Amino acid sequence: RIGAQWKISIEARAYVAVAPNDPLYSLRNDDYLQFE
């Protein structure tokens, strides 16, 4: 929280070294970073 009325948040996910035979392979390029 920043003061009484504001809030800052961060969320991030990263997929690293995903092998082609891994069930997560379709998500290999779905890394993200979000600030709010």
All heavy atoms as atom14 arrays in JSON, in Angstrom:
{
  "sequence": "RIGAQWKISIEARAYVAVAPNDPLYSLRNDDYLQFE",
  "atom14_mask": [
    [1, 1, 1, 1, 1, 1, 1, 1, 1, 1, 1, 0, 0, 0],
    [1, 1, 1, 1, 1, 1, 1, 1, 0, 0, 0, 0, 0, 0],
    [1, 1, 1, 1, 0, 0, 0, 0, 0, 0, 0, 0, 0, 0],
    [1, 1, 1, 1, 1, 0, 0, 0, 0, 0, 0, 0, 0, 0],
    [1, 1, 1, 1, 1, 1, 1, 1, 1, 0, 0, 0, 0, 0],
    [1, 1, 1, 1, 1, 1, 1, 1, 1, 1, 1, 1, 1, 1],
    [1, 1, 1, 1, 1, 1, 1, 1, 1, 0, 0, 0, 0, 0],
    [1, 1, 1, 1, 1, 1, 1, 1, 0, 0, 0, 0, 0, 0],
    [1, 1, 1, 1, 1, 1, 0, 0, 0, 0, 0, 0, 0, 0],
    [1, 1, 1, 1, 1, 1, 1, 1, 0, 0, 0, 0, 0, 0],
    [1, 1, 1, 1, 1, 1, 1, 1, 1, 0, 0, 0, 0, 0],
    [1, 1, 1, 1, 1, 0, 0, 0, 0, 0, 0, 0, 0, 0],
    [1, 1, 1, 1, 1, 1, 1, 1, 1, 1, 1, 0, 0, 0],
    [1, 1, 1, 1, 1, 0, 0, 0, 0, 0, 0, 0, 0, 0],
    [1, 1, 1, 1, 1, 1, 1, 1, 1, 1, 1, 1, 0, 0],
    [1, 1, 1, 1, 1, 1, 1, 0, 0, 0, 0, 0, 0, 0],
    [1, 1, 1, 1, 1, 0, 0, 0, 0, 0, 0, 0, 0, 0],
    [1, 1, 1, 1, 1, 1, 1, 0, 0, 0, 0, 0, 0, 0],
    [1, 1, 1, 1, 1, 0, 0, 0, 0, 0, 0, 0, 0, 0],
    [1, 1, 1, 1, 1, 1, 1, 0, 0, 0, 0, 0, 0, 0],
    [1, 1, 1, 1, 1, 1, 1, 1, 0, 0, 0, 0, 0, 0],
    [1, 1, 1, 1, 1, 1, 1, 1, 0, 0, 0, 0, 0, 0],
    [1, 1, 1, 1, 1, 1, 1, 0, 0, 0, 0, 0, 0, 0],
    [1, 1, 1, 1, 1, 1, 1, 1, 0, 0, 0, 0, 0, 0],
    [1, 1, 1, 1, 1, 1, 1, 1, 1, 1, 1, 1, 0, 0],
    [1, 1, 1, 1, 1, 1, 0, 0, 0, 0, 0, 0, 0, 0],
    [1, 1, 1, 1, 1, 1, 1, 1, 0, 0, 0, 0, 0, 0],
    [1, 1, 1, 1, 1, 1, 1, 1, 1, 1, 1, 0, 0, 0],
    [1, 1, 1, 1, 1, 1, 1, 1, 0, 0, 0, 0, 0, 0],
    [1, 1, 1, 1, 1, 1, 1, 1, 0, 0, 0, 0, 0, 0],
    [1, 1, 1, 1, 1, 1, 1, 1, 0, 0, 0, 0, 0, 0],
    [1, 1, 1, 1, 1, 1, 1, 1, 1, 1, 1, 1, 0, 0],
    [1, 1, 1, 1, 1, 1, 1, 1, 0, 0, 0, 0, 0, 0],
    [1, 1, 1, 1, 1, 1, 1, 1, 1, 0, 0, 0, 0, 0],
    [1, 1, 1, 1, 1, 1, 1, 1, 1, 1, 1, 0, 0, 0],
    [1, 1, 1, 1, 1, 1, 1, 1, 1, 0, 0, 0, 0, 0]
  ],
  "atom14_positions": [
    [[0.85, -1.2, 0.0], [0.0, 0.0, 0.0], [0.88, 1.24, 0.0], [1.95, 1.27, 0.6], [-0.91, 0.0, 1.22], [-2.0, -1.03, 1.16], [-3.06, -0.82, 2.25], [-2.48, -0.68, 3.59], [-2.27, -1.68, 4.43], [-2.57, -2.9, 4.09], [-1.77, -1.45, 5.62], [0.0, 0.0, 0.0], [0.0, 0.0, 0.0], [0.0, 0.0, 0.0]],
    [[0.4, 2.27, -0.67], [1.08, 3.56, -0.7], [0.07, 4.58, -0.17], [-0.87, 4.96, -0.87], [1.54, 3.94, -2.12], [2.45, 2.86, -2.68], [2.22, 5.29, -2.12], [2.78, 3.02, -4.14], [0.0, 0.0, 0.0], [0.0, 0.0, 0.0], [0.0, 0.0, 0.0], [0.0, 0.0, 0.0], [0.0, 0.0, 0.0], [0.0, 0.0, 0.0]],
    [[0.23, 4.98, 1.05], [-0.72, 5.88, 1.66], [-2.04, 5.17, 1.94], [-2.1, 3.94, 2.02], [0.0, 0.0, 0.0], [0.0, 0.0, 0.0], [0.0, 0.0, 0.0], [0.0, 0.0, 0.0], [0.0, 0.0, 0.0], [0.0, 0.0, 0.0], [0.0, 0.0, 0.0], [0.0, 0.0, 0.0], [0.0, 0.0, 0.0], [0.0, 0.0, 0.0]],
    [[-3.12, 5.95, 2.06], [-4.42, 5.39, 2.42], [-5.23, 4.94, 1.21], [-6.16, 4.15, 1.36], [-5.23, 6.42, 3.21], [0.0, 0.0, 0.0], [0.0, 0.0, 0.0], [0.0, 0.0, 0.0], [0.0, 0.0, 0.0], [0.0, 0.0, 0.0], [0.0, 0.0, 0.0], [0.0, 0.0, 0.0], [0.0, 0.0, 0.0], [0.0, 0.0, 0.0]],
    [[-4.9, 5.42, 0.0], [-5.75, 5.15, -1.16], [-5.08, 4.4, -2.3], [-5.73, 4.06, -3.27], [-6.31, 6.47, -1.71], [-7.21, 7.18, -0.73], [-7.73, 8.47, -1.31], [-6.97, 9.21, -1.93], [-9.0, 8.74, -1.11], [0.0, 0.0, 0.0], [0.0, 0.0, 0.0], [0.0, 0.0, 0.0], [0.0, 0.0, 0.0], [0.0, 0.0, 0.0]],
    [[-3.8, 4.12, -2.22], [-3.09, 3.53, -3.35], [-2.45, 2.19, -2.97], [-2.07, 1.97, -1.82], [-1.97, 4.46, -3.84], [-2.49, 5.73, -4.43], [-2.74, 6.9, -3.76], [-2.84, 5.98, -5.78], [-3.21, 7.85, -4.61], [-3.27, 7.31, -5.88], [-2.81, 5.2, -6.93], [-3.69, 7.87, -7.06], [-3.23, 5.76, -8.12], [-3.66, 7.09, -8.18]],
    [[-2.33, 1.34, -3.96], [-1.67, 0.06, -3.78], [-0.92, -0.29, -5.07], [-1.46, -0.14, -6.16], [-2.68, -1.05, -3.46], [-2.05, -2.39, -3.18], [-3.13, -3.41, -2.8], [-2.52, -4.74, -2.44], [-3.56, -5.71, -2.05], [0.0, 0.0, 0.0], [0.0, 0.0, 0.0], [0.0, 0.0, 0.0], [0.0, 0.0, 0.0], [0.0, 0.0, 0.0]],
    [[0.31, -0.74, -4.94], [1.1, -1.16, -6.09], [1.32, -2.68, -5.98], [1.56, -3.19, -4.89], [2.43, -0.39, -6.19], [3.11, -0.68, -7.52], [3.33, -0.68, -5.02], [4.25, 0.26, -7.85], [0.0, 0.0, 0.0], [0.0, 0.0, 0.0], [0.0, 0.0, 0.0], [0.0, 0.0, 0.0], [0.0, 0.0, 0.0], [0.0, 0.0, 0.0]],
    [[1.19, -3.35, -7.12], [1.34, -4.81, -7.15], [2.2, -5.23, -8.34], [2.24, -4.53, -9.36], [-0.02, -5.49, -7.28], [-0.88, -5.13, -6.23], [0.0, 0.0, 0.0], [0.0, 0.0, 0.0], [0.0, 0.0, 0.0], [0.0, 0.0, 0.0], [0.0, 0.0, 0.0], [0.0, 0.0, 0.0], [0.0, 0.0, 0.0], [0.0, 0.0, 0.0]],
    [[2.84, -6.37, -8.2], [3.62, -6.97, -9.28], [3.29, -8.46, -9.33], [3.07, -9.08, -8.29], [5.14, -6.74, -9.1], [5.91, -7.28, -10.29], [5.62, -7.36, -7.81], [7.39, -6.96, -10.29], [0.0, 0.0, 0.0], [0.0, 0.0, 0.0], [0.0, 0.0, 0.0], [0.0, 0.0, 0.0], [0.0, 0.0, 0.0], [0.0, 0.0, 0.0]],
    [[3.23, -8.98, -10.54], [3.03, -10.41, -10.73], [3.86, -10.84, -11.94], [3.85, -10.17, -12.97], [1.55, -10.7, -10.97], [1.23, -12.16, -11.02], [-0.26, -12.45, -11.07], [-1.06, -11.57, -10.71], [-0.61, -13.56, -11.49], [0.0, 0.0, 0.0], [0.0, 0.0, 0.0], [0.0, 0.0, 0.0], [0.0, 0.0, 0.0], [0.0, 0.0, 0.0]],
    [[4.58, -11.94, -11.81], [5.42, -12.42, -12.91], [5.44, -13.95, -12.92], [5.38, -14.58, -11.87], [6.85, -11.9, -12.75], [0.0, 0.0, 0.0], [0.0, 0.0, 0.0], [0.0, 0.0, 0.0], [0.0, 0.0, 0.0], [0.0, 0.0, 0.0], [0.0, 0.0, 0.0], [0.0, 0.0, 0.0], [0.0, 0.0, 0.0], [0.0, 0.0, 0.0]],
    [[5.49, -14.5, -14.13], [5.63, -15.94, -14.34], [6.66, -16.16, -15.44], [6.68, -15.42, -16.43], [4.34, -16.6, -14.79], [3.17, -16.42, -13.87], [3.18, -17.4, -12.7], [1.98, -17.29, -11.91], [1.77, -16.39, -10.97], [2.68, -15.51, -10.69], [0.66, -16.37, -10.28], [0.0, 0.0, 0.0], [0.0, 0.0, 0.0], [0.0, 0.0, 0.0]],
    [[7.5, -17.16, -15.3], [8.51, -17.47, -16.32], [8.64, -18.98, -16.46], [8.75, -19.71, -15.47], [9.85, -16.87, -15.95], [0.0, 0.0, 0.0], [0.0, 0.0, 0.0], [0.0, 0.0, 0.0], [0.0, 0.0, 0.0], [0.0, 0.0, 0.0], [0.0, 0.0, 0.0], [0.0, 0.0, 0.0], [0.0, 0.0, 0.0], [0.0, 0.0, 0.0]],
    [[8.61, -19.45, -17.7], [8.83, -20.86, -18.04], [10.22, -20.97, -18.64], [10.54, -20.29, -19.6], [7.79, -21.34, -19.06], [6.37, -21.26, -18.54], [5.62, -20.1, -18.66], [5.79, -22.37, -17.93], [4.32, -20.03, -18.19], [4.49, -22.3, -17.45], [3.76, -21.13, -17.58], [2.49, -21.07, -17.11], [0.0, 0.0, 0.0], [0.0, 0.0, 0.0]],
    [[11.06, -21.84, -18.06], [12.46, -21.92, -18.47], [12.78, -23.36, -18.9], [12.41, -24.32, -18.22], [13.38, -21.5, -17.3], [14.84, -21.6, -17.69], [13.03, -20.1, -16.83], [0.0, 0.0, 0.0], [0.0, 0.0, 0.0], [0.0, 0.0, 0.0], [0.0, 0.0, 0.0], [0.0, 0.0, 0.0], [0.0, 0.0, 0.0], [0.0, 0.0, 0.0]],
    [[13.49, -23.47, -20.02], [14.0, -24.76, -20.53], [12.9, -25.8, -20.7], [13.04, -26.95, -20.29], [15.11, -25.29, -19.63], [0.0, 0.0, 0.0], [0.0, 0.0, 0.0], [0.0, 0.0, 0.0], [0.0, 0.0, 0.0], [0.0, 0.0, 0.0], [0.0, 0.0, 0.0], [0.0, 0.0, 0.0], [0.0, 0.0, 0.0], [0.0, 0.0, 0.0]],
    [[11.78, -25.41, -21.3], [10.67, -26.34, -21.5], [10.98, -27.28, -22.66], [11.18, -26.84, -23.79], [9.35, -25.58, -21.77], [8.2, -26.56, -21.89], [9.08, -24.57, -20.66], [0.0, 0.0, 0.0], [0.0, 0.0, 0.0], [0.0, 0.0, 0.0], [0.0, 0.0, 0.0], [0.0, 0.0, 0.0], [0.0, 0.0, 0.0], [0.0, 0.0, 0.0]],
    [[11.04, -28.56, -22.39], [11.36, -29.57, -23.4], [10.16, -29.8, -24.33], [9.02, -29.67, -23.9], [11.75, -30.88, -22.73], [0.0, 0.0, 0.0], [0.0, 0.0, 0.0], [0.0, 0.0, 0.0], [0.0, 0.0, 0.0], [0.0, 0.0, 0.0], [0.0, 0.0, 0.0], [0.0, 0.0, 0.0], [0.0, 0.0, 0.0], [0.0, 0.0, 0.0]],
    [[10.4, -30.14, -25.6], [9.3, -30.37, -26.55], [8.33, -31.47, -26.13], [7.16, -31.42, -26.47], [10.02, -30.75, -27.84], [11.36, -30.13, -27.72], [11.7, -30.19, -26.25], [0.0, 0.0, 0.0], [0.0, 0.0, 0.0], [0.0, 0.0, 0.0], [0.0, 0.0, 0.0], [0.0, 0.0, 0.0], [0.0, 0.0, 0.0], [0.0, 0.0, 0.0]],
    [[8.77, -32.44, -25.35], [7.88, -33.52, -24.92], [7.23, -33.24, -23.56], [6.56, -34.1, -23.01], [8.63, -34.86, -24.9], [9.84, -34.83, -23.98], [10.32, -33.77, -23.59], [10.33, -36.01, -23.64], [0.0, 0.0, 0.0], [0.0, 0.0, 0.0], [0.0, 0.0, 0.0], [0.0, 0.0, 0.0], [0.0, 0.0, 0.0], [0.0, 0.0, 0.0]],
    [[7.43, -32.05, -23.01], [6.82, -31.67, -21.74], [5.4, -31.17, -22.0], [5.16, -30.42, -22.95], [7.66, -30.56, -21.09], [7.25, -30.29, -19.66], [6.06, -30.04, -19.42], [8.12, -30.32, -18.78], [0.0, 0.0, 0.0], [0.0, 0.0, 0.0], [0.0, 0.0, 0.0], [0.0, 0.0, 0.0], [0.0, 0.0, 0.0], [0.0, 0.0, 0.0]],
    [[4.41, -31.53, -21.15], [3.05, -31.03, -21.33], [2.94, -29.5, -21.28], [1.98, -28.93, -21.79], [2.28, -31.66, -20.16], [3.07, -32.86, -19.79], [4.51, -32.52, -20.08], [0.0, 0.0, 0.0], [0.0, 0.0, 0.0], [0.0, 0.0, 0.0], [0.0, 0.0, 0.0], [0.0, 0.0, 0.0], [0.0, 0.0, 0.0], [0.0, 0.0, 0.0]],
    [[3.92, -28.83, -20.71], [3.91, -27.36, -20.64], [4.51, -26.71, -21.88], [4.61, -25.48, -21.95], [4.69, -26.88, -19.41], [4.06, -27.17, -18.05], [4.99, -26.75, -16.94], [2.72, -26.47, -17.94], [0.0, 0.0, 0.0], [0.0, 0.0, 0.0], [0.0, 0.0, 0.0], [0.0, 0.0, 0.0], [0.0, 0.0, 0.0], [0.0, 0.0, 0.0]],
    [[4.89, -27.49, -22.87], [5.58, -26.95, -24.05], [4.77, -25.87, -24.75], [5.33, -24.88, -25.22], [5.92, -28.08, -25.02], [6.79, -27.63, -26.17], [8.13, -27.3, -25.95], [6.27, -27.5, -27.45], [8.94, -26.89, -26.99], [7.07, -27.08, -28.5], [8.4, -26.78, -28.27], [9.21, -26.35, -29.3], [0.0, 0.0, 0.0], [0.0, 0.0, 0.0]],
    [[3.46, -26.01, -24.79], [2.63, -24.99, -25.45], [2.65, -23.65, -24.71], [2.27, -22.63, -25.26], [1.19, -25.48, -25.6], [0.61, -25.69, -24.33], [0.0, 0.0, 0.0], [0.0, 0.0, 0.0], [0.0, 0.0, 0.0], [0.0, 0.0, 0.0], [0.0, 0.0, 0.0], [0.0, 0.0, 0.0], [0.0, 0.0, 0.0], [0.0, 0.0, 0.0]],
    [[3.11, -23.64, -23.47], [3.19, -22.41, -22.67], [4.59, -21.81, -22.64], [4.83, -20.81, -21.96], [2.73, -22.68, -21.24], [1.32, -23.23, -21.06], [1.07, -23.57, -19.61], [0.3, -22.25, -21.59], [0.0, 0.0, 0.0], [0.0, 0.0, 0.0], [0.0, 0.0, 0.0], [0.0, 0.0, 0.0], [0.0, 0.0, 0.0], [0.0, 0.0, 0.0]],
    [[5.52, -22.38, -23.37], [6.93, -21.99, -23.27], [7.17, -20.51, -23.56], [8.12, -19.93, -23.08], [7.79, -22.84, -24.19], [7.58, -22.57, -25.66], [8.22, -23.61, -26.56], [7.99, -23.36, -27.96], [6.86, -23.61, -28.6], [5.83, -24.11, -27.95], [6.75, -23.35, -29.89], [0.0, 0.0, 0.0], [0.0, 0.0, 0.0], [0.0, 0.0, 0.0]],
    [[6.31, -19.86, -24.35], [6.46, -18.45, -24.68], [5.46, -17.56, -23.93], [5.25, -16.41, -24.31], [6.29, -18.23, -26.19], [7.37, -18.93, -26.98], [8.53, -18.93, -26.58], [7.0, -19.53, -28.09], [0.0, 0.0, 0.0], [0.0, 0.0, 0.0], [0.0, 0.0, 0.0], [0.0, 0.0, 0.0], [0.0, 0.0, 0.0], [0.0, 0.0, 0.0]],
    [[4.86, -18.08, -22.88], [3.83, -17.34, -22.16], [4.34, -16.68, -20.88], [3.58, -16.46, -19.94], [2.66, -18.27, -21.82], [1.83, -18.6, -23.02], [2.09, -18.04, -24.1], [0.91, -19.43, -22.91], [0.0, 0.0, 0.0], [0.0, 0.0, 0.0], [0.0, 0.0, 0.0], [0.0, 0.0, 0.0], [0.0, 0.0, 0.0], [0.0, 0.0, 0.0]],
    [[5.62, -16.34, -20.81], [6.13, -15.58, -19.67], [5.41, -14.25, -19.62], [5.02, -13.7, -20.66], [7.62, -15.3, -19.83], [8.46, -16.56, -19.94], [7.96, -17.65, -19.6], [9.6, -16.45, -20.39], [0.0, 0.0, 0.0], [0.0, 0.0, 0.0], [0.0, 0.0, 0.0], [0.0, 0.0, 0.0], [0.0, 0.0, 0.0], [0.0, 0.0, 0.0]],
    [[5.21, -13.72, -18.44], [4.62, -12.39, -18.36], [5.04, -11.65, -17.09], [5.46, -12.25, -16.11], [3.1, -12.44, -18.49], [2.35, -12.96, -17.29], [1.88, -12.09, -16.31], [2.08, -14.3, -17.14], [1.17, -12.55, -15.23], [1.38, -14.77, -16.06], [0.91, -13.89, -15.11], [0.22, -14.35, -14.03], [0.0, 0.0, 0.0], [0.0, 0.0, 0.0]],
    [[4.89, -10.35, -17.2], [5.2, -9.44, -16.11], [4.1, -8.39, -16.07], [3.79, -7.79, -17.1], [6.56, -8.78, -16.33], [6.99, -7.71, -15.33], [7.16, -8.32, -13.94], [8.28, -7.06, -15.79], [0.0, 0.0, 0.0], [0.0, 0.0, 0.0], [0.0, 0.0, 0.0], [0.0, 0.0, 0.0], [0.0, 0.0, 0.0], [0.0, 0.0, 0.0]],
    [[3.5, -8.21, -14.92], [2.39, -7.26, -14.79], [2.62, -6.36, -13.59], [2.91, -6.83, -12.49], [1.09, -8.03, -14.61], [-0.12, -7.16, -14.32], [-1.37, -8.0, -14.13], [-1.66, -8.87, -14.94], [-2.1, -7.74, -13.07], [0.0, 0.0, 0.0], [0.0, 0.0, 0.0], [0.0, 0.0, 0.0], [0.0, 0.0, 0.0], [0.0, 0.0, 0.0]],
    [[2.5, -5.07, -13.81], [2.52, -4.09, -12.73], [1.13, -3.5, -12.64], [0.47, -3.27, -13.67], [3.51, -2.95, -13.02], [4.95, -3.37, -12.95], [5.66, -3.65, -14.09], [5.58, -3.48, -11.72], [6.98, -4.05, -14.03], [6.9, -3.86, -11.64], [7.6, -4.14, -12.79], [0.0, 0.0, 0.0], [0.0, 0.0, 0.0], [0.0, 0.0, 0.0]],
    [[0.68, -3.21, -11.43], [-0.63, -2.62, -11.25], [-0.55, -1.53, -10.19], [0.05, -1.72, -9.13], [-1.63, -3.7, -10.81], [-3.03, -3.18, -10.58], [-3.97, -4.28, -10.15], [-3.66, -4.97, -9.15], [-4.99, -4.46, -10.81], [0.0, 0.0, 0.0], [0.0, 0.0, 0.0], [0.0, 0.0, 0.0], [0.0, 0.0, 0.0], [0.0, 0.0, 0.0]]
  ]
}
